[in-house]
Amino acid sequence: GSHTVVELQERGFDVVIVDNLSNSQIEVLDNIEK
């Protein structure tokens, strides 16, 4: 999902994420932004 968000954003899409964080970490958002 995180890699796909990056590719979508780089193609000009506006992305909203829904995740319950059961198998991921909120810090991923920081790295997508970087």
ModelCIF file with pLDDT and N, C-alpha, C, O atoms, coordinates in Angstrom:
data_MODEL
#
_entry.id   MODEL 
#
_entity.id                         1 
_entity.type                       polymer 
_entity.pdbx_number_of_molecules   1 
#
_entity_poly.entity_id                      1 
_entity_poly.type                           'polypeptide(L)' 
_entity_poly.nstd_linkage                   no 
_entity_poly.nstd_monomer                   no 
_entity_poly.pdbx_seq_one_letter_code       GSHTVVELQERGFDVVIVDNLSNSQIEVLDNIEK 
_entity_poly.pdbx_seq_one_letter_code_can   GSHTVVELQERGFDVVIVDNLSNSQIEVLDNIEK 
_entity_poly.pdbx_strand_id                 A 
#
loop_
_entity_poly_seq.entity_id 
_entity_poly_seq.num 
_entity_poly_seq.mon_id 
_entity_poly_seq.hetero 
1 1  GLY n 
1 2  SER n 
1 3  HIS n 
1 4  THR n 
1 5  VAL n 
1 6  VAL n 
1 7  GLU n 
1 8  LEU n 
1 9  GLN n 
1 10 GLU n 
1 11 ARG n 
1 12 GLY n 
1 13 PHE n 
1 14 ASP n 
1 15 VAL n 
1 16 VAL n 
1 17 ILE n 
1 18 VAL n 
1 19 ASP n 
1 20 ASN n 
1 21 LEU n 
1 22 SER n 
1 23 ASN n 
1 24 SER n 
1 25 GLN n 
1 26 ILE n 
1 27 GLU n 
1 28 VAL n 
1 29 LEU n 
1 30 ASP n 
1 31 ASN n 
1 32 ILE n 
1 33 GLU n 
1 34 LYS n 
#
_struct_asym.id          A 
_struct_asym.entity_id   1 
#
loop_
_ma_qa_metric.id 
_ma_qa_metric.mode 
_ma_qa_metric.name 
_ma_qa_metric.software_group_id 
_ma_qa_metric.type 
1 global pLDDT . pLDDT 
2 local  pLDDT . pLDDT 
#
_ma_qa_metric_global.metric_id      1 
_ma_qa_metric_global.metric_value   97.35 
_ma_qa_metric_global.model_id       1 
_ma_qa_metric_global.ordinal_id     1 
#
loop_
_ma_qa_metric_local.label_asym_id 
_ma_qa_metric_local.label_comp_id 
_ma_qa_metric_local.label_seq_id 
_ma_qa_metric_local.metric_id 
_ma_qa_metric_local.metric_value 
_ma_qa_metric_local.model_id 
_ma_qa_metric_local.ordinal_id 
A GLY 1  2 98.00 1 1  
A SER 2  2 98.00 1 2  
A HIS 3  2 98.00 1 3  
A THR 4  2 98.00 1 4  
A VAL 5  2 99.00 1 5  
A VAL 6  2 99.00 1 6  
A GLU 7  2 98.00 1 7  
A LEU 8  2 98.00 1 8  
A GLN 9  2 98.00 1 9  
A GLU 10 2 98.00 1 10 
A ARG 11 2 98.00 1 11 
A GLY 12 2 98.00 1 12 
A PHE 13 2 98.00 1 13 
A ASP 14 2 98.00 1 14 
A VAL 15 2 98.00 1 15 
A VAL 16 2 98.00 1 16 
A ILE 17 2 98.00 1 17 
A VAL 18 2 98.00 1 18 
A ASP 19 2 98.00 1 19 
A ASN 20 2 97.00 1 20 
A LEU 21 2 96.00 1 21 
A SER 22 2 93.00 1 22 
A ASN 23 2 91.00 1 23 
A SER 24 2 94.00 1 24 
A GLN 25 2 95.00 1 25 
A ILE 26 2 97.00 1 26 
A GLU 27 2 97.00 1 27 
A VAL 28 2 98.00 1 28 
A LEU 29 2 98.00 1 29 
A ASP 30 2 98.00 1 30 
A ASN 31 2 98.00 1 31 
A ILE 32 2 98.00 1 32 
A GLU 33 2 98.00 1 33 
A LYS 34 2 98.00 1 34 
#
loop_
_atom_site.group_PDB 
_atom_site.id 
_atom_site.type_symbol 
_atom_site.label_atom_id 
_atom_site.label_alt_id 
_atom_site.label_comp_id 
_atom_site.label_asym_id 
_atom_site.label_entity_id 
_atom_site.label_seq_id 
_atom_site.pdbx_PDB_ins_code 
_atom_site.Cartn_x 
_atom_site.Cartn_y 
_atom_site.Cartn_z 
_atom_site.occupancy 
_atom_site.B_iso_or_equiv 
_atom_site.pdbx_formal_charge 
_atom_site.auth_seq_id 
_atom_site.auth_comp_id 
_atom_site.auth_asym_id 
_atom_site.auth_atom_id 
_atom_site.pdbx_PDB_model_num 
ATOM 1   N N  . GLY A 1 1  ? 0.805  -1.215 0.000   1.00 98.00 ? 1  GLY A N  1 
ATOM 2   C CA . GLY A 1 1  ? 0.000  0.000  0.000   1.00 98.00 ? 1  GLY A CA 1 
ATOM 3   C C  . GLY A 1 1  ? 0.839  1.266  0.000   1.00 98.00 ? 1  GLY A C  1 
ATOM 4   O O  . GLY A 1 1  ? 0.551  2.197  -0.752  1.00 98.00 ? 1  GLY A O  1 
ATOM 5   N N  . SER A 1 2  ? 1.875  1.314  0.835   1.00 98.00 ? 2  SER A N  1 
ATOM 6   C CA . SER A 1 2  ? 2.692  2.536  0.933   1.00 98.00 ? 2  SER A CA 1 
ATOM 7   C C  . SER A 1 2  ? 3.427  2.819  -0.377  1.00 98.00 ? 2  SER A C  1 
ATOM 8   O O  . SER A 1 2  ? 3.542  3.972  -0.792  1.00 98.00 ? 2  SER A O  1 
ATOM 9   N N  . HIS A 1 3  ? 3.921  1.770  -1.020  1.00 98.00 ? 3  HIS A N  1 
ATOM 10  C CA . HIS A 1 3  ? 4.598  1.973  -2.309  1.00 98.00 ? 3  HIS A CA 1 
ATOM 11  C C  . HIS A 1 3  ? 3.614  2.449  -3.377  1.00 98.00 ? 3  HIS A C  1 
ATOM 12  O O  . HIS A 1 3  ? 3.968  3.245  -4.248  1.00 98.00 ? 3  HIS A O  1 
ATOM 13  N N  . THR A 1 4  ? 2.383  1.957  -3.301  1.00 98.00 ? 4  THR A N  1 
ATOM 14  C CA . THR A 1 4  ? 1.368  2.369  -4.273  1.00 98.00 ? 4  THR A CA 1 
ATOM 15  C C  . THR A 1 4  ? 0.951  3.816  -4.038  1.00 98.00 ? 4  THR A C  1 
ATOM 16  O O  . THR A 1 4  ? 0.714  4.555  -4.994  1.00 98.00 ? 4  THR A O  1 
ATOM 17  N N  . VAL A 1 5  ? 0.861  4.227  -2.770  1.00 99.00 ? 5  VAL A N  1 
ATOM 18  C CA . VAL A 1 5  ? 0.563  5.633  -2.464  1.00 99.00 ? 5  VAL A CA 1 
ATOM 19  C C  . VAL A 1 5  ? 1.608  6.546  -3.102  1.00 99.00 ? 5  VAL A C  1 
ATOM 20  O O  . VAL A 1 5  ? 1.268  7.568  -3.697  1.00 99.00 ? 5  VAL A O  1 
ATOM 21  N N  . VAL A 1 6  ? 2.876  6.171  -2.973  1.00 99.00 ? 6  VAL A N  1 
ATOM 22  C CA . VAL A 1 6  ? 3.956  6.969  -3.571  1.00 99.00 ? 6  VAL A CA 1 
ATOM 23  C C  . VAL A 1 6  ? 3.776  7.081  -5.087  1.00 99.00 ? 6  VAL A C  1 
ATOM 24  O O  . VAL A 1 6  ? 3.875  8.171  -5.650  1.00 99.00 ? 6  VAL A O  1 
ATOM 25  N N  . GLU A 1 7  ? 3.512  5.952  -5.741  1.00 98.00 ? 7  GLU A N  1 
ATOM 26  C CA . GLU A 1 7  ? 3.356  5.967  -7.205  1.00 98.00 ? 7  GLU A CA 1 
ATOM 27  C C  . GLU A 1 7  ? 2.143  6.799  -7.620  1.00 98.00 ? 7  GLU A C  1 
ATOM 28  O O  . GLU A 1 7  ? 2.199  7.523  -8.614  1.00 98.00 ? 7  GLU A O  1 
ATOM 29  N N  . LEU A 1 8  ? 1.047  6.700  -6.863  1.00 98.00 ? 8  LEU A N  1 
ATOM 30  C CA . LEU A 1 8  ? -0.138 7.503  -7.169  1.00 98.00 ? 8  LEU A CA 1 
ATOM 31  C C  . LEU A 1 8  ? 0.158  8.997  -7.029  1.00 98.00 ? 8  LEU A C  1 
ATOM 32  O O  . LEU A 1 8  ? -0.199 9.796  -7.895  1.00 98.00 ? 8  LEU A O  1 
ATOM 33  N N  . GLN A 1 9  ? 0.812  9.358  -5.933  1.00 98.00 ? 9  GLN A N  1 
ATOM 34  C CA . GLN A 1 9  ? 1.124  10.770 -5.714  1.00 98.00 ? 9  GLN A CA 1 
ATOM 35  C C  . GLN A 1 9  ? 2.057  11.300 -6.799  1.00 98.00 ? 9  GLN A C  1 
ATOM 36  O O  . GLN A 1 9  ? 1.905  12.431 -7.259  1.00 98.00 ? 9  GLN A O  1 
ATOM 37  N N  . GLU A 1 10 ? 3.016  10.481 -7.200  1.00 98.00 ? 10 GLU A N  1 
ATOM 38  C CA . GLU A 1 10 ? 3.952  10.920 -8.234  1.00 98.00 ? 10 GLU A CA 1 
ATOM 39  C C  . GLU A 1 10 ? 3.282  11.050 -9.602  1.00 98.00 ? 10 GLU A C  1 
ATOM 40  O O  . GLU A 1 10 ? 3.806  11.713 -10.497 1.00 98.00 ? 10 GLU A O  1 
ATOM 41  N N  . ARG A 1 11 ? 2.117  10.411 -9.757  1.00 98.00 ? 11 ARG A N  1 
ATOM 42  C CA . ARG A 1 11 ? 1.324  10.559 -10.977 1.00 98.00 ? 11 ARG A CA 1 
ATOM 43  C C  . ARG A 1 11 ? 0.277  11.661 -10.858 1.00 98.00 ? 11 ARG A C  1 
ATOM 44  O O  . ARG A 1 11 ? -0.514 11.870 -11.779 1.00 98.00 ? 11 ARG A O  1 
ATOM 45  N N  . GLY A 1 12 ? 0.269  12.365 -9.727  1.00 98.00 ? 12 GLY A N  1 
ATOM 46  C CA . GLY A 1 12 ? -0.615 13.514 -9.597  1.00 98.00 ? 12 GLY A CA 1 
ATOM 47  C C  . GLY A 1 12 ? -1.953 13.244 -8.937  1.00 98.00 ? 12 GLY A C  1 
ATOM 48  O O  . GLY A 1 12 ? -2.798 14.137 -8.880  1.00 98.00 ? 12 GLY A O  1 
ATOM 49  N N  . PHE A 1 13 ? -2.168 12.026 -8.434  1.00 98.00 ? 13 PHE A N  1 
ATOM 50  C CA . PHE A 1 13 ? -3.415 11.726 -7.735  1.00 98.00 ? 13 PHE A CA 1 
ATOM 51  C C  . PHE A 1 13 ? -3.371 12.259 -6.303  1.00 98.00 ? 13 PHE A C  1 
ATOM 52  O O  . PHE A 1 13 ? -2.302 12.387 -5.706  1.00 98.00 ? 13 PHE A O  1 
ATOM 53  N N  . ASP A 1 14 ? -4.538 12.562 -5.775  1.00 98.00 ? 14 ASP A N  1 
ATOM 54  C CA . ASP A 1 14 ? -4.718 12.942 -4.372  1.00 98.00 ? 14 ASP A CA 1 
ATOM 55  C C  . ASP A 1 14 ? -5.102 11.661 -3.616  1.00 98.00 ? 14 ASP A C  1 
ATOM 56  O O  . ASP A 1 14 ? -6.061 10.988 -3.995  1.00 98.00 ? 14 ASP A O  1 
ATOM 57  N N  . VAL A 1 15 ? -4.369 11.324 -2.561  1.00 98.00 ? 15 VAL A N  1 
ATOM 58  C CA . VAL A 1 15 ? -4.556 10.033 -1.889  1.00 98.00 ? 15 VAL A CA 1 
ATOM 59  C C  . VAL A 1 15 ? -5.060 10.217 -0.470  1.00 98.00 ? 15 VAL A C  1 
ATOM 60  O O  . VAL A 1 15 ? -4.575 11.068 0.275   1.00 98.00 ? 15 VAL A O  1 
ATOM 61  N N  . VAL A 1 16 ? -6.044 9.401  -0.111  1.00 98.00 ? 16 VAL A N  1 
ATOM 62  C CA . VAL A 1 16 ? -6.450 9.285  1.290   1.00 98.00 ? 16 VAL A CA 1 
ATOM 63  C C  . VAL A 1 16 ? -6.286 7.824  1.698   1.00 98.00 ? 16 VAL A C  1 
ATOM 64  O O  . VAL A 1 16 ? -6.706 6.919  0.978   1.00 98.00 ? 16 VAL A O  1 
ATOM 65  N N  . ILE A 1 17 ? -5.676 7.604  2.853   1.00 98.00 ? 17 ILE A N  1 
ATOM 66  C CA . ILE A 1 17 ? -5.389 6.256  3.356   1.00 98.00 ? 17 ILE A CA 1 
ATOM 67  C C  . ILE A 1 17 ? -6.343 5.916  4.488   1.00 98.00 ? 17 ILE A C  1 
ATOM 68  O O  . ILE A 1 17 ? -6.605 6.743  5.360   1.00 98.00 ? 17 ILE A O  1 
ATOM 69  N N  . VAL A 1 18 ? -6.862 4.687  4.469   1.00 98.00 ? 18 VAL A N  1 
ATOM 70  C CA . VAL A 1 18 ? -7.531 4.111  5.639   1.00 98.00 ? 18 VAL A CA 1 
ATOM 71  C C  . VAL A 1 18 ? -6.724 2.893  6.066   1.00 98.00 ? 18 VAL A C  1 
ATOM 72  O O  . VAL A 1 18 ? -6.457 2.008  5.253   1.00 98.00 ? 18 VAL A O  1 
ATOM 73  N N  . ASP A 1 19 ? -6.334 2.842  7.341   1.00 98.00 ? 19 ASP A N  1 
ATOM 74  C CA . ASP A 1 19 ? -5.574 1.701  7.854   1.00 98.00 ? 19 ASP A CA 1 
ATOM 75  C C  . ASP A 1 19 ? -5.835 1.589  9.349   1.00 98.00 ? 19 ASP A C  1 
ATOM 76  O O  . ASP A 1 19 ? -5.921 2.602  10.043  1.00 98.00 ? 19 ASP A O  1 
ATOM 77  N N  . ASN A 1 20 ? -5.961 0.366  9.847   1.00 97.00 ? 20 ASN A N  1 
ATOM 78  C CA . ASN A 1 20 ? -6.143 0.205  11.302  1.00 97.00 ? 20 ASN A CA 1 
ATOM 79  C C  . ASN A 1 20 ? -4.812 -0.001 12.026  1.00 97.00 ? 20 ASN A C  1 
ATOM 80  O O  . ASN A 1 20 ? -4.786 -0.168 13.245  1.00 97.00 ? 20 ASN A O  1 
ATOM 81  N N  . LEU A 1 21 ? -3.705 0.011  11.273  1.00 96.00 ? 21 LEU A N  1 
ATOM 82  C CA . LEU A 1 21 ? -2.345 -0.110 11.819  1.00 96.00 ? 21 LEU A CA 1 
ATOM 83  C C  . LEU A 1 21 ? -2.116 -1.442 12.538  1.00 96.00 ? 21 LEU A C  1 
ATOM 84  O O  . LEU A 1 21 ? -1.268 -1.526 13.427  1.00 96.00 ? 21 LEU A O  1 
ATOM 85  N N  . SER A 1 22 ? -2.853 -2.464 12.167  1.00 93.00 ? 22 SER A N  1 
ATOM 86  C CA . SER A 1 22 ? -2.656 -3.774 12.804  1.00 93.00 ? 22 SER A CA 1 
ATOM 87  C C  . SER A 1 22 ? -1.362 -4.439 12.328  1.00 93.00 ? 22 SER A C  1 
ATOM 88  O O  . SER A 1 22 ? -0.802 -5.278 13.032  1.00 93.00 ? 22 SER A O  1 
ATOM 89  N N  . ASN A 1 23 ? -0.886 -4.067 11.134  1.00 91.00 ? 23 ASN A N  1 
ATOM 90  C CA . ASN A 1 23 ? 0.362  -4.654 10.645  1.00 91.00 ? 23 ASN A CA 1 
ATOM 91  C C  . ASN A 1 23 ? 1.230  -3.595 9.966   1.00 91.00 ? 23 ASN A C  1 
ATOM 92  O O  . ASN A 1 23 ? 1.951  -3.882 9.011   1.00 91.00 ? 23 ASN A O  1 
ATOM 93  N N  . SER A 1 24 ? 1.147  -2.366 10.479  1.00 94.00 ? 24 SER A N  1 
ATOM 94  C CA . SER A 1 24 ? 1.963  -1.281 9.928   1.00 94.00 ? 24 SER A CA 1 
ATOM 95  C C  . SER A 1 24 ? 2.122  -0.202 10.993  1.00 94.00 ? 24 SER A C  1 
ATOM 96  O O  . SER A 1 24 ? 1.569  -0.295 12.089  1.00 94.00 ? 24 SER A O  1 
ATOM 97  N N  . GLN A 1 25 ? 2.892  0.822  10.639  1.00 95.00 ? 25 GLN A N  1 
ATOM 98  C CA . GLN A 1 25 ? 3.195  1.861  11.628  1.00 95.00 ? 25 GLN A CA 1 
ATOM 99  C C  . GLN A 1 25 ? 2.884  3.241  11.066  1.00 95.00 ? 25 GLN A C  1 
ATOM 100 O O  . GLN A 1 25 ? 3.057  3.490  9.873   1.00 95.00 ? 25 GLN A O  1 
ATOM 101 N N  . ILE A 1 26 ? 2.427  4.128  11.928  1.00 97.00 ? 26 ILE A N  1 
ATOM 102 C CA . ILE A 1 26 ? 2.015  5.464  11.516  1.00 97.00 ? 26 ILE A CA 1 
ATOM 103 C C  . ILE A 1 26 ? 3.182  6.269  10.933  1.00 97.00 ? 26 ILE A C  1 
ATOM 104 O O  . ILE A 1 26 ? 2.976  7.176  10.127  1.00 97.00 ? 26 ILE A O  1 
ATOM 105 N N  . GLU A 1 27 ? 4.409  5.926  11.348  1.00 97.00 ? 27 GLU A N  1 
ATOM 106 C CA . GLU A 1 27 ? 5.593  6.656  10.862  1.00 97.00 ? 27 GLU A CA 1 
ATOM 107 C C  . GLU A 1 27 ? 5.780  6.517  9.351   1.00 97.00 ? 27 GLU A C  1 
ATOM 108 O O  . GLU A 1 27 ? 6.498  7.303  8.734   1.00 97.00 ? 27 GLU A O  1 
ATOM 109 N N  . VAL A 1 28 ? 5.132  5.517  8.761   1.00 98.00 ? 28 VAL A N  1 
ATOM 110 C CA . VAL A 1 28 ? 5.204  5.346  7.299   1.00 98.00 ? 28 VAL A CA 1 
ATOM 111 C C  . VAL A 1 28 ? 4.743  6.620  6.592   1.00 98.00 ? 28 VAL A C  1 
ATOM 112 O O  . VAL A 1 28 ? 5.261  6.960  5.528   1.00 98.00 ? 28 VAL A O  1 
ATOM 113 N N  . LEU A 1 29 ? 3.774  7.325  7.175   1.00 98.00 ? 29 LEU A N  1 
ATOM 114 C CA . LEU A 1 29 ? 3.283  8.572  6.570   1.00 98.00 ? 29 LEU A CA 1 
ATOM 115 C C  . LEU A 1 29 ? 4.407  9.601  6.447   1.00 98.00 ? 29 LEU A C  1 
ATOM 116 O O  . LEU A 1 29 ? 4.487  10.321 5.452   1.00 98.00 ? 29 LEU A O  1 
ATOM 117 N N  . ASP A 1 30 ? 5.272  9.666  7.459   1.00 98.00 ? 30 ASP A N  1 
ATOM 118 C CA . ASP A 1 30 ? 6.407  10.598 7.423   1.00 98.00 ? 30 ASP A CA 1 
ATOM 119 C C  . ASP A 1 30 ? 7.319  10.277 6.249   1.00 98.00 ? 30 ASP A C  1 
ATOM 120 O O  . ASP A 1 30 ? 7.807  11.174 5.562   1.00 98.00 ? 30 ASP A O  1 
ATOM 121 N N  . ASN A 1 31 ? 7.544  8.984  6.029   1.00 98.00 ? 31 ASN A N  1 
ATOM 122 C CA . ASN A 1 31 ? 8.480  8.582  4.973   1.00 98.00 ? 31 ASN A CA 1 
ATOM 123 C C  . ASN A 1 31 ? 7.879  8.730  3.582   1.00 98.00 ? 31 ASN A C  1 
ATOM 124 O O  . ASN A 1 31 ? 8.591  9.038  2.626   1.00 98.00 ? 31 ASN A O  1 
ATOM 125 N N  . ILE A 1 32 ? 6.574  8.513  3.466   1.00 98.00 ? 32 ILE A N  1 
ATOM 126 C CA . ILE A 1 32 ? 5.914  8.809  2.187   1.00 98.00 ? 32 ILE A CA 1 
ATOM 127 C C  . ILE A 1 32 ? 6.093  10.288 1.860   1.00 98.00 ? 32 ILE A C  1 
ATOM 128 O O  . ILE A 1 32 ? 6.400  10.653 0.725   1.00 98.00 ? 32 ILE A O  1 
ATOM 129 N N  . GLU A 1 33 ? 5.895  11.141 2.882   1.00 98.00 ? 33 GLU A N  1 
ATOM 130 C CA . GLU A 1 33 ? 6.029  12.584 2.683   1.00 98.00 ? 33 GLU A CA 1 
ATOM 131 C C  . GLU A 1 33 ? 7.462  12.966 2.303   1.00 98.00 ? 33 GLU A C  1 
ATOM 132 O O  . GLU A 1 33 ? 7.671  13.871 1.495   1.00 98.00 ? 33 GLU A O  1 
ATOM 133 N N  . LYS A 1 34 ? 8.448  12.276 2.886   1.00 98.00 ? 34 LYS A N  1 
ATOM 134 C CA . LYS A 1 34 ? 9.846  12.559 2.533   1.00 98.00 ? 34 LYS A CA 1 
ATOM 135 C C  . LYS A 1 34 ? 10.117 12.229 1.062   1.00 98.00 ? 34 LYS A C  1 
ATOM 136 O O  . LYS A 1 34 ? 11.239 12.403 0.587   1.00 98.00 ? 34 LYS A O  1 
#
